[in-house]
Amino acid sequence: ATVRRRDKSVRRPCFATDGRRMLMPAFGVTTGGLDLRHRAMAGLFERE
């Protein structure tokens, strides 16, 4: 996920949960990531 911090955007791996399920961040040191708004995440969470 990406947040704004000190006038710049910062992207970080994250745990993602809506209280029903959780997606884990990748633990390996050479792994990339998908933003929570990516189409692969569609329908997995109650965004509110």
All heavy atoms as atom14 arrays in JSON, in Angstrom:
{
  "sequence": "ATVRRRDKSVRRPCFATDGRRMLMPAFGVTTGGLDLRHRAMAGLFERE",
  "atom14_mask": [
    [1, 1, 1, 1, 1, 0, 0, 0, 0, 0, 0, 0, 0, 0],
    [1, 1, 1, 1, 1, 1, 1, 0, 0, 0, 0, 0, 0, 0],
    [1, 1, 1, 1, 1, 1, 1, 0, 0, 0, 0, 0, 0, 0],
    [1, 1, 1, 1, 1, 1, 1, 1, 1, 1, 1, 0, 0, 0],
    [1, 1, 1, 1, 1, 1, 1, 1, 1, 1, 1, 0, 0, 0],
    [1, 1, 1, 1, 1, 1, 1, 1, 1, 1, 1, 0, 0, 0],
    [1, 1, 1, 1, 1, 1, 1, 1, 0, 0, 0, 0, 0, 0],
    [1, 1, 1, 1, 1, 1, 1, 1, 1, 0, 0, 0, 0, 0],
    [1, 1, 1, 1, 1, 1, 0, 0, 0, 0, 0, 0, 0, 0],
    [1, 1, 1, 1, 1, 1, 1, 0, 0, 0, 0, 0, 0, 0],
    [1, 1, 1, 1, 1, 1, 1, 1, 1, 1, 1, 0, 0, 0],
    [1, 1, 1, 1, 1, 1, 1, 1, 1, 1, 1, 0, 0, 0],
    [1, 1, 1, 1, 1, 1, 1, 0, 0, 0, 0, 0, 0, 0],
    [1, 1, 1, 1, 1, 1, 0, 0, 0, 0, 0, 0, 0, 0],
    [1, 1, 1, 1, 1, 1, 1, 1, 1, 1, 1, 0, 0, 0],
    [1, 1, 1, 1, 1, 0, 0, 0, 0, 0, 0, 0, 0, 0],
    [1, 1, 1, 1, 1, 1, 1, 0, 0, 0, 0, 0, 0, 0],
    [1, 1, 1, 1, 1, 1, 1, 1, 0, 0, 0, 0, 0, 0],
    [1, 1, 1, 1, 0, 0, 0, 0, 0, 0, 0, 0, 0, 0],
    [1, 1, 1, 1, 1, 1, 1, 1, 1, 1, 1, 0, 0, 0],
    [1, 1, 1, 1, 1, 1, 1, 1, 1, 1, 1, 0, 0, 0],
    [1, 1, 1, 1, 1, 1, 1, 1, 0, 0, 0, 0, 0, 0],
    [1, 1, 1, 1, 1, 1, 1, 1, 0, 0, 0, 0, 0, 0],
    [1, 1, 1, 1, 1, 1, 1, 1, 0, 0, 0, 0, 0, 0],
    [1, 1, 1, 1, 1, 1, 1, 0, 0, 0, 0, 0, 0, 0],
    [1, 1, 1, 1, 1, 0, 0, 0, 0, 0, 0, 0, 0, 0],
    [1, 1, 1, 1, 1, 1, 1, 1, 1, 1, 1, 0, 0, 0],
    [1, 1, 1, 1, 0, 0, 0, 0, 0, 0, 0, 0, 0, 0],
    [1, 1, 1, 1, 1, 1, 1, 0, 0, 0, 0, 0, 0, 0],
    [1, 1, 1, 1, 1, 1, 1, 0, 0, 0, 0, 0, 0, 0],
    [1, 1, 1, 1, 1, 1, 1, 0, 0, 0, 0, 0, 0, 0],
    [1, 1, 1, 1, 0, 0, 0, 0, 0, 0, 0, 0, 0, 0],
    [1, 1, 1, 1, 0, 0, 0, 0, 0, 0, 0, 0, 0, 0],
    [1, 1, 1, 1, 1, 1, 1, 1, 0, 0, 0, 0, 0, 0],
    [1, 1, 1, 1, 1, 1, 1, 1, 0, 0, 0, 0, 0, 0],
    [1, 1, 1, 1, 1, 1, 1, 1, 0, 0, 0, 0, 0, 0],
    [1, 1, 1, 1, 1, 1, 1, 1, 1, 1, 1, 0, 0, 0],
    [1, 1, 1, 1, 1, 1, 1, 1, 1, 1, 0, 0, 0, 0],
    [1, 1, 1, 1, 1, 1, 1, 1, 1, 1, 1, 0, 0, 0],
    [1, 1, 1, 1, 1, 0, 0, 0, 0, 0, 0, 0, 0, 0],
    [1, 1, 1, 1, 1, 1, 1, 1, 0, 0, 0, 0, 0, 0],
    [1, 1, 1, 1, 1, 0, 0, 0, 0, 0, 0, 0, 0, 0],
    [1, 1, 1, 1, 0, 0, 0, 0, 0, 0, 0, 0, 0, 0],
    [1, 1, 1, 1, 1, 1, 1, 1, 0, 0, 0, 0, 0, 0],
    [1, 1, 1, 1, 1, 1, 1, 1, 1, 1, 1, 0, 0, 0],
    [1, 1, 1, 1, 1, 1, 1, 1, 1, 0, 0, 0, 0, 0],
    [1, 1, 1, 1, 1, 1, 1, 1, 1, 1, 1, 0, 0, 0],
    [1, 1, 1, 1, 1, 1, 1, 1, 1, 0, 0, 0, 0, 0]
  ],
  "atom14_positions": [
    [[0.85, -1.19, 0.0], [0.0, 0.0, 0.0], [0.88, 1.23, 0.0], [2.06, 1.19, 0.39], [-0.93, 0.0, 1.21], [0.0, 0.0, 0.0], [0.0, 0.0, 0.0], [0.0, 0.0, 0.0], [0.0, 0.0, 0.0], [0.0, 0.0, 0.0], [0.0, 0.0, 0.0], [0.0, 0.0, 0.0], [0.0, 0.0, 0.0], [0.0, 0.0, 0.0]],
    [[0.31, 2.36, -0.44], [1.04, 3.61, -0.57], [0.4, 4.7, 0.28], [-0.82, 4.86, 0.26], [1.09, 4.06, -2.04], [1.65, 3.02, -2.84], [1.94, 5.32, -2.2], [0.0, 0.0, 0.0], [0.0, 0.0, 0.0], [0.0, 0.0, 0.0], [0.0, 0.0, 0.0], [0.0, 0.0, 0.0], [0.0, 0.0, 0.0], [0.0, 0.0, 0.0]],
    [[1.22, 5.4, 1.03], [0.76, 6.51, 1.85], [1.62, 7.74, 1.54], [2.7, 7.63, 0.95], [0.86, 6.19, 3.36], [-0.1, 5.08, 3.74], [2.29, 5.81, 3.75], [0.0, 0.0, 0.0], [0.0, 0.0, 0.0], [0.0, 0.0, 0.0], [0.0, 0.0, 0.0], [0.0, 0.0, 0.0], [0.0, 0.0, 0.0], [0.0, 0.0, 0.0]],
    [[1.11, 8.9, 1.93], [1.89, 10.12, 1.79], [2.54, 10.45, 3.12], [1.89, 10.45, 4.17], [1.0, 11.29, 1.34], [1.8, 12.59, 1.1], [0.99, 13.62, 0.37], [0.65, 13.19, -0.97], [1.47, 13.22, -2.02], [2.71, 13.65, -1.86], [1.08, 12.8, -3.19], [0.0, 0.0, 0.0], [0.0, 0.0, 0.0], [0.0, 0.0, 0.0]],
    [[3.84, 10.73, 3.06], [4.58, 11.07, 4.26], [5.6, 12.15, 3.93], [6.45, 11.96, 3.05], [5.29, 9.83, 4.83], [5.99, 10.06, 6.16], [6.65, 8.79, 6.67], [7.25, 8.99, 7.97], [8.05, 8.11, 8.58], [8.31, 6.96, 7.99], [8.57, 8.37, 9.77], [0.0, 0.0, 0.0], [0.0, 0.0, 0.0], [0.0, 0.0, 0.0]],
    [[5.49, 13.28, 4.62], [6.44, 14.39, 4.42], [6.52, 14.78, 2.95], [7.59, 14.86, 2.35], [7.82, 14.02, 4.96], [7.82, 13.78, 6.47], [9.17, 13.29, 6.95], [9.15, 12.96, 8.37], [10.11, 12.33, 9.01], [11.21, 11.95, 8.36], [10.01, 12.07, 10.31], [0.0, 0.0, 0.0], [0.0, 0.0, 0.0], [0.0, 0.0, 0.0]],
    [[5.33, 14.99, 2.36], [5.22, 15.49, 0.98], [5.76, 14.54, -0.08], [6.09, 14.97, -1.2], [5.92, 16.86, 0.84], [5.29, 17.92, 1.72], [4.05, 17.9, 1.85], [6.03, 18.75, 2.27], [0.0, 0.0, 0.0], [0.0, 0.0, 0.0], [0.0, 0.0, 0.0], [0.0, 0.0, 0.0], [0.0, 0.0, 0.0], [0.0, 0.0, 0.0]],
    [[5.86, 13.26, 0.25], [6.22, 12.29, -0.77], [5.45, 11.0, -0.52], [5.0, 10.73, 0.6], [7.72, 12.02, -0.78], [8.25, 11.33, 0.46], [9.75, 11.04, 0.34], [10.28, 10.32, 1.58], [11.73, 10.02, 1.45], [0.0, 0.0, 0.0], [0.0, 0.0, 0.0], [0.0, 0.0, 0.0], [0.0, 0.0, 0.0], [0.0, 0.0, 0.0]],
    [[5.26, 10.23, -1.57], [4.55, 8.96, -1.43], [5.52, 7.85, -1.06], [6.67, 7.83, -1.54], [3.82, 8.6, -2.72], [4.73, 8.45, -3.79], [0.0, 0.0, 0.0], [0.0, 0.0, 0.0], [0.0, 0.0, 0.0], [0.0, 0.0, 0.0], [0.0, 0.0, 0.0], [0.0, 0.0, 0.0], [0.0, 0.0, 0.0], [0.0, 0.0, 0.0]],
    [[5.07, 6.97, -0.16], [5.89, 5.85, 0.32], [5.09, 4.57, 0.15], [3.95, 4.48, 0.64], [6.29, 6.04, 1.8], [7.11, 4.85, 2.29], [7.06, 7.34, 1.99], [0.0, 0.0, 0.0], [0.0, 0.0, 0.0], [0.0, 0.0, 0.0], [0.0, 0.0, 0.0], [0.0, 0.0, 0.0], [0.0, 0.0, 0.0], [0.0, 0.0, 0.0]],
    [[5.67, 3.59, -0.52], [5.0, 2.31, -0.72], [5.66, 1.26, 0.15], [6.89, 1.15, 0.17], [5.08, 1.9, -2.2], [4.26, 0.66, -2.54], [4.43, 0.28, -3.98], [3.57, -0.83, -4.35], [3.8, -1.64, -5.38], [4.88, -1.47, -6.12], [2.97, -2.62, -5.65], [0.0, 0.0, 0.0], [0.0, 0.0, 0.0], [0.0, 0.0, 0.0]],
    [[4.84, 0.48, 0.86], [5.34, -0.53, 1.77], [4.54, -1.83, 1.64], [3.34, -1.8, 1.36], [5.23, -0.06, 3.22], [6.05, 1.17, 3.56], [7.52, 0.87, 3.54], [8.32, 1.99, 4.02], [9.6, 2.13, 3.8], [10.25, 1.23, 3.1], [10.26, 3.17, 4.28], [0.0, 0.0, 0.0], [0.0, 0.0, 0.0], [0.0, 0.0, 0.0]],
    [[5.21, -2.97, 1.89], [4.45, -4.22, 2.06], [3.51, -4.07, 3.25], [3.78, -3.3, 4.18], [5.54, -5.26, 2.34], [6.82, -4.62, 1.93], [6.65, -3.15, 2.1], [0.0, 0.0, 0.0], [0.0, 0.0, 0.0], [0.0, 0.0, 0.0], [0.0, 0.0, 0.0], [0.0, 0.0, 0.0], [0.0, 0.0, 0.0], [0.0, 0.0, 0.0]],
    [[2.43, -4.84, 3.24], [1.48, -4.7, 4.34], [0.71, -5.99, 4.6], [0.58, -6.85, 3.73], [0.49, -3.56, 4.06], [-0.67, -3.88, 2.7], [0.0, 0.0, 0.0], [0.0, 0.0, 0.0], [0.0, 0.0, 0.0], [0.0, 0.0, 0.0], [0.0, 0.0, 0.0], [0.0, 0.0, 0.0], [0.0, 0.0, 0.0], [0.0, 0.0, 0.0]],
    [[0.23, -6.11, 5.83], [-0.85, -7.02, 6.17], [-2.14, -6.31, 5.77], [-2.27, -5.1, 6.01], [-0.9, -7.29, 7.67], [0.35, -7.85, 8.27], [1.38, -7.0, 8.67], [0.51, -9.22, 8.47], [2.54, -7.5, 9.25], [1.66, -9.72, 9.05], [2.68, -8.87, 9.45], [0.0, 0.0, 0.0], [0.0, 0.0, 0.0], [0.0, 0.0, 0.0]],
    [[-3.09, -7.02, 5.2], [-4.36, -6.4, 4.82], [-5.51, -7.22, 5.4], [-5.59, -8.43, 5.18], [-4.49, -6.33, 3.3], [0.0, 0.0, 0.0], [0.0, 0.0, 0.0], [0.0, 0.0, 0.0], [0.0, 0.0, 0.0], [0.0, 0.0, 0.0], [0.0, 0.0, 0.0], [0.0, 0.0, 0.0], [0.0, 0.0, 0.0], [0.0, 0.0, 0.0]],
    [[-6.39, -6.56, 6.16], [-7.52, -7.27, 6.76], [-8.73, -6.37, 6.89], [-8.6, -5.17, 7.15], [-7.14, -7.85, 8.14], [-8.25, -8.6, 8.65], [-6.76, -6.75, 9.13], [0.0, 0.0, 0.0], [0.0, 0.0, 0.0], [0.0, 0.0, 0.0], [0.0, 0.0, 0.0], [0.0, 0.0, 0.0], [0.0, 0.0, 0.0], [0.0, 0.0, 0.0]],
    [[-9.89, -6.96, 6.68], [-11.16, -6.28, 6.93], [-11.88, -6.89, 8.13], [-13.06, -6.64, 8.35], [-12.06, -6.32, 5.7], [-12.39, -7.74, 5.24], [-11.92, -8.71, 5.88], [-13.12, -7.89, 4.24], [0.0, 0.0, 0.0], [0.0, 0.0, 0.0], [0.0, 0.0, 0.0], [0.0, 0.0, 0.0], [0.0, 0.0, 0.0], [0.0, 0.0, 0.0]],
    [[-11.16, -7.7, 8.9], [-11.73, -8.38, 10.06], [-12.29, -9.75, 9.74], [-12.48, -10.56, 10.65], [0.0, 0.0, 0.0], [0.0, 0.0, 0.0], [0.0, 0.0, 0.0], [0.0, 0.0, 0.0], [0.0, 0.0, 0.0], [0.0, 0.0, 0.0], [0.0, 0.0, 0.0], [0.0, 0.0, 0.0], [0.0, 0.0, 0.0], [0.0, 0.0, 0.0]],
    [[-12.52, -10.02, 8.46], [-13.01, -11.36, 8.06], [-11.84, -12.25, 7.63], [-11.77, -13.41, 7.99], [-14.0, -11.25, 6.89], [-15.26, -10.44, 7.19], [-16.17, -10.42, 5.97], [-15.45, -10.02, 4.76], [-15.27, -10.79, 3.7], [-15.76, -12.01, 3.67], [-14.62, -10.33, 2.65], [0.0, 0.0, 0.0], [0.0, 0.0, 0.0], [0.0, 0.0, 0.0]],
    [[-10.96, -11.7, 6.82], [-9.8, -12.44, 6.32], [-8.58, -11.54, 6.38], [-8.68, -10.33, 6.56], [-10.02, -12.92, 4.89], [-10.13, -11.79, 3.86], [-9.49, -12.15, 2.52], [-9.93, -13.38, 1.93], [-10.94, -13.52, 1.07], [-11.65, -12.45, 0.73], [-11.25, -14.69, 0.56], [0.0, 0.0, 0.0], [0.0, 0.0, 0.0], [0.0, 0.0, 0.0]],
    [[-7.41, -12.17, 6.22], [-6.16, -11.42, 6.16], [-5.3, -11.93, 5.02], [-5.18, -13.14, 4.81], [-5.37, -11.51, 7.46], [-3.97, -10.89, 7.37], [-3.09, -10.8, 8.94], [-3.89, -9.38, 9.68], [0.0, 0.0, 0.0], [0.0, 0.0, 0.0], [0.0, 0.0, 0.0], [0.0, 0.0, 0.0], [0.0, 0.0, 0.0], [0.0, 0.0, 0.0]],
    [[-4.69, -11.0, 4.3], [-3.63, -11.32, 3.36], [-2.3, -10.92, 3.98], [-2.16, -9.82, 4.51], [-3.82, -10.57, 2.04], [-4.9, -11.07, 1.09], [-4.8, -10.32, -0.24], [-4.8, -12.57, 0.85], [0.0, 0.0, 0.0], [0.0, 0.0, 0.0], [0.0, 0.0, 0.0], [0.0, 0.0, 0.0], [0.0, 0.0, 0.0], [0.0, 0.0, 0.0]],
    [[-1.34, -11.83, 3.87], [-0.03, -11.64, 4.48], [0.94, -10.97, 3.51], [0.9, -11.24, 2.31], [0.56, -12.99, 4.88], [-0.21, -13.72, 5.97], [0.18, -13.06, 7.59], [1.93, -13.46, 7.72], [0.0, 0.0, 0.0], [0.0, 0.0, 0.0], [0.0, 0.0, 0.0], [0.0, 0.0, 0.0], [0.0, 0.0, 0.0], [0.0, 0.0, 0.0]],
    [[1.84, -10.14, 4.02], [2.92, -9.64, 3.15], [3.9, -10.76, 2.84], [4.02, -11.73, 3.59], [3.58, -8.56, 4.01], [3.33, -9.01, 5.42], [1.98, -9.66, 5.4], [0.0, 0.0, 0.0], [0.0, 0.0, 0.0], [0.0, 0.0, 0.0], [0.0, 0.0, 0.0], [0.0, 0.0, 0.0], [0.0, 0.0, 0.0], [0.0, 0.0, 0.0]],
    [[4.59, -10.64, 1.72], [5.64, -11.6, 1.39], [6.81, -11.43, 2.35], [7.22, -10.31, 2.65], [6.09, -11.42, -0.05], [0.0, 0.0, 0.0], [0.0, 0.0, 0.0], [0.0, 0.0, 0.0], [0.0, 0.0, 0.0], [0.0, 0.0, 0.0], [0.0, 0.0, 0.0], [0.0, 0.0, 0.0], [0.0, 0.0, 0.0], [0.0, 0.0, 0.0]],
    [[7.34, -12.54, 2.83], [8.43, -12.51, 3.81], [9.81, -12.53, 3.14], [10.78, -12.03, 3.7], [8.29, -13.71, 4.75], [9.08, -13.6, 6.01], [8.54, -13.01, 7.15], [10.38, -14.09, 6.09], [9.28, -12.91, 8.33], [11.13, -14.0, 7.25], [10.57, -13.4, 8.37], [0.0, 0.0, 0.0], [0.0, 0.0, 0.0], [0.0, 0.0, 0.0]],
    [[9.92, -13.13, 1.97], [11.21, -13.24, 1.29], [11.8, -11.89, 0.95], [11.07, -10.95, 0.6], [0.0, 0.0, 0.0], [0.0, 0.0, 0.0], [0.0, 0.0, 0.0], [0.0, 0.0, 0.0], [0.0, 0.0, 0.0], [0.0, 0.0, 0.0], [0.0, 0.0, 0.0], [0.0, 0.0, 0.0], [0.0, 0.0, 0.0], [0.0, 0.0, 0.0]],
    [[13.12, -11.79, 1.0], [13.76, -10.48, 0.84], [13.82, -10.0, -0.6], [14.13, -8.83, -0.84], [15.19, -10.48, 1.45], [15.16, -10.8, 2.92], [16.12, -11.43, 0.69], [0.0, 0.0, 0.0], [0.0, 0.0, 0.0], [0.0, 0.0, 0.0], [0.0, 0.0, 0.0], [0.0, 0.0, 0.0], [0.0, 0.0, 0.0], [0.0, 0.0, 0.0]],
    [[13.56, -10.86, -1.57], [13.61, -10.42, -2.97], [12.25, -10.48, -3.64], [12.14, -10.63, -4.85], [14.62, -11.27, -3.77], [14.29, -12.66, -3.63], [16.04, -11.03, -3.3], [0.0, 0.0, 0.0], [0.0, 0.0, 0.0], [0.0, 0.0, 0.0], [0.0, 0.0, 0.0], [0.0, 0.0, 0.0], [0.0, 0.0, 0.0], [0.0, 0.0, 0.0]],
    [[11.2, -10.34, -2.86], [9.84, -10.39, -3.41], [9.32, -8.98, -3.66], [9.64, -8.04, -2.95], [8.89, -11.11, -2.45], [9.01, -10.51, -1.15], [9.23, -12.59, -2.35], [0.0, 0.0, 0.0], [0.0, 0.0, 0.0], [0.0, 0.0, 0.0], [0.0, 0.0, 0.0], [0.0, 0.0, 0.0], [0.0, 0.0, 0.0], [0.0, 0.0, 0.0]],
    [[8.46, -8.86, -4.66], [7.79, -7.59, -4.94], [6.43, -7.55, -4.27], [6.17, -8.29, -3.31], [0.0, 0.0, 0.0], [0.0, 0.0, 0.0], [0.0, 0.0, 0.0], [0.0, 0.0, 0.0], [0.0, 0.0, 0.0], [0.0, 0.0, 0.0], [0.0, 0.0, 0.0], [0.0, 0.0, 0.0], [0.0, 0.0, 0.0], [0.0, 0.0, 0.0]],
    [[5.54, -6.68, -4.76], [4.22, -6.57, -4.14], [3.18, -6.02, -5.08], [3.5, -5.37, -6.09], [0.0, 0.0, 0.0], [0.0, 0.0, 0.0], [0.0, 0.0, 0.0], [0.0, 0.0, 0.0], [0.0, 0.0, 0.0], [0.0, 0.0, 0.0], [0.0, 0.0, 0.0], [0.0, 0.0, 0.0], [0.0, 0.0, 0.0], [0.0, 0.0, 0.0]],
    [[1.91, -6.29, -4.78], [0.77, -5.76, -5.52], [0.03, -4.76, -4.65], [-0.25, -5.04, -3.48], [-0.2, -6.87, -5.93], [0.2, -7.8, -7.08], [-0.91, -8.82, -7.32], [0.48, -7.0, -8.34], [0.0, 0.0, 0.0], [0.0, 0.0, 0.0], [0.0, 0.0, 0.0], [0.0, 0.0, 0.0], [0.0, 0.0, 0.0], [0.0, 0.0, 0.0]],
    [[-0.31, -3.61, -5.21], [-1.07, -2.62, -4.47], [-2.47, -3.14, -4.14], [-3.05, -3.92, -4.92], [-1.18, -1.34, -5.29], [-1.7, -0.18, -4.46], [-0.87, 0.51, -3.82], [-2.93, 0.04, -4.42], [0.0, 0.0, 0.0], [0.0, 0.0, 0.0], [0.0, 0.0, 0.0], [0.0, 0.0, 0.0], [0.0, 0.0, 0.0], [0.0, 0.0, 0.0]],
    [[-2.99, -2.73, -3.0], [-4.32, -3.18, -2.59], [-5.42, -2.78, -3.56], [-6.51, -3.36, -3.53], [-4.65, -2.64, -1.19], [-3.94, -3.31, -0.02], [-4.35, -2.65, 1.3], [-4.23, -4.8, 0.02], [0.0, 0.0, 0.0], [0.0, 0.0, 0.0], [0.0, 0.0, 0.0], [0.0, 0.0, 0.0], [0.0, 0.0, 0.0], [0.0, 0.0, 0.0]],
    [[-5.15, -1.81, -4.42], [-6.14, -1.41, -5.42], [-6.0, -2.2, -6.73], [-6.77, -1.97, -7.66], [-6.02, 0.09, -5.69], [-6.28, 0.95, -4.47], [-6.15, 2.43, -4.78], [-6.25, 3.25, -3.58], [-7.39, 3.68, -3.07], [-8.53, 3.38, -3.64], [-7.39, 4.42, -1.96], [0.0, 0.0, 0.0], [0.0, 0.0, 0.0], [0.0, 0.0, 0.0]],
    [[-5.03, -3.1, -6.79], [-4.84, -3.9, -8.0], [-6.06, -4.78, -8.25], [-6.73, -5.24, -7.32], [-3.58, -4.77, -7.83], [-3.13, -5.43, -9.09], [-3.69, -6.6, -9.56], [-2.16, -5.09, -9.99], [-3.09, -6.97, -10.68], [-2.16, -6.06, -10.97], [0.0, 0.0, 0.0], [0.0, 0.0, 0.0], [0.0, 0.0, 0.0], [0.0, 0.0, 0.0]],
    [[-6.34, -5.04, -9.52], [-7.54, -5.82, -9.87], [-7.51, -7.23, -9.27], [-8.56, -7.85, -9.08], [-7.7, -5.89, -11.38], [-6.58, -6.6, -12.12], [-6.82, -6.59, -13.62], [-5.75, -7.24, -14.36], [-4.65, -6.63, -14.76], [-4.46, -5.34, -14.45], [-3.72, -7.28, -15.42], [0.0, 0.0, 0.0], [0.0, 0.0, 0.0], [0.0, 0.0, 0.0]],
    [[-6.31, -7.76, -8.97], [-6.22, -9.09, -8.37], [-6.83, -9.13, -6.97], [-7.18, -10.2, -6.46], [-4.77, -9.55, -8.31], [0.0, 0.0, 0.0], [0.0, 0.0, 0.0], [0.0, 0.0, 0.0], [0.0, 0.0, 0.0], [0.0, 0.0, 0.0], [0.0, 0.0, 0.0], [0.0, 0.0, 0.0], [0.0, 0.0, 0.0], [0.0, 0.0, 0.0]],
    [[-6.97, -7.96, -6.33], [-7.55, -7.88, -4.99], [-9.07, -7.69, -5.01], [-9.71, -7.71, -3.96], [-6.93, -6.7, -4.22], [-5.42, -6.68, -4.19], [-4.75, -7.86, -2.99], [-2.99, -7.47, -3.13], [0.0, 0.0, 0.0], [0.0, 0.0, 0.0], [0.0, 0.0, 0.0], [0.0, 0.0, 0.0], [0.0, 0.0, 0.0], [0.0, 0.0, 0.0]],
    [[-9.64, -7.51, -6.21], [-11.07, -7.19, -6.32], [-11.93, -8.28, -5.69], [-11.75, -9.47, -5.95], [-11.45, -7.01, -7.79], [0.0, 0.0, 0.0], [0.0, 0.0, 0.0], [0.0, 0.0, 0.0], [0.0, 0.0, 0.0], [0.0, 0.0, 0.0], [0.0, 0.0, 0.0], [0.0, 0.0, 0.0], [0.0, 0.0, 0.0], [0.0, 0.0, 0.0]],
    [[-12.86, -7.85, -4.84], [-13.81, -8.76, -4.23], [-13.32, -9.49, -3.0], [-14.1, -10.23, -2.37], [0.0, 0.0, 0.0], [0.0, 0.0, 0.0], [0.0, 0.0, 0.0], [0.0, 0.0, 0.0], [0.0, 0.0, 0.0], [0.0, 0.0, 0.0], [0.0, 0.0, 0.0], [0.0, 0.0, 0.0], [0.0, 0.0, 0.0], [0.0, 0.0, 0.0]],
    [[-12.07, -9.28, -2.61], [-11.53, -10.0, -1.46], [-11.88, -9.34, -0.13], [-11.96, -10.02, 0.89], [-10.0, -10.11, -1.56], [-9.47, -11.01, -2.68], [-7.94, -10.98, -2.69], [-9.97, -12.44, -2.53], [0.0, 0.0, 0.0], [0.0, 0.0, 0.0], [0.0, 0.0, 0.0], [0.0, 0.0, 0.0], [0.0, 0.0, 0.0], [0.0, 0.0, 0.0]],
    [[-12.09, -8.02, -0.13], [-12.29, -7.29, 1.12], [-13.53, -6.4, 1.07], [-13.93, -5.93, 0.0], [-11.08, -6.39, 1.42], [-9.79, -7.13, 1.63], [-8.79, -7.09, 0.67], [-9.57, -7.86, 2.79], [-7.59, -7.75, 0.86], [-8.37, -8.52, 2.99], [-7.38, -8.48, 2.02], [0.0, 0.0, 0.0], [0.0, 0.0, 0.0], [0.0, 0.0, 0.0]],
    [[-14.1, -6.17, 2.27], [-15.08, -5.1, 2.43], [-14.28, -3.82, 2.67], [-13.72, -3.6, 3.74], [-15.99, -5.4, 3.62], [-16.84, -6.65, 3.44], [-17.62, -7.01, 4.69], [-17.35, -6.4, 5.76], [-18.47, -7.9, 4.61], [0.0, 0.0, 0.0], [0.0, 0.0, 0.0], [0.0, 0.0, 0.0], [0.0, 0.0, 0.0], [0.0, 0.0, 0.0]],
    [[-14.19, -2.99, 1.65], [-13.24, -1.87, 1.68], [-13.53, -0.87, 2.79], [-12.62, -0.2, 3.27], [-13.19, -1.18, 0.31], [-12.47, -2.02, -0.74], [-12.24, -1.23, -2.01], [-11.32, -1.94, -2.91], [-10.89, -1.45, -4.07], [-11.31, -0.25, -4.47], [-10.06, -2.14, -4.82], [0.0, 0.0, 0.0], [0.0, 0.0, 0.0], [0.0, 0.0, 0.0]],
    [[-14.8, -0.76, 3.19], [-15.11, 0.17, 4.26], [-14.51, -0.26, 5.6], [-14.35, 0.54, 6.53], [-16.63, 0.35, 4.4], [-17.4, -0.89, 4.79], [-17.82, -1.74, 3.62], [-17.23, -1.59, 2.52], [-18.76, -2.55, 3.79], [0.0, 0.0, 0.0], [0.0, 0.0, 0.0], [0.0, 0.0, 0.0], [0.0, 0.0, 0.0], [0.0, 0.0, 0.0]]
  ]
}
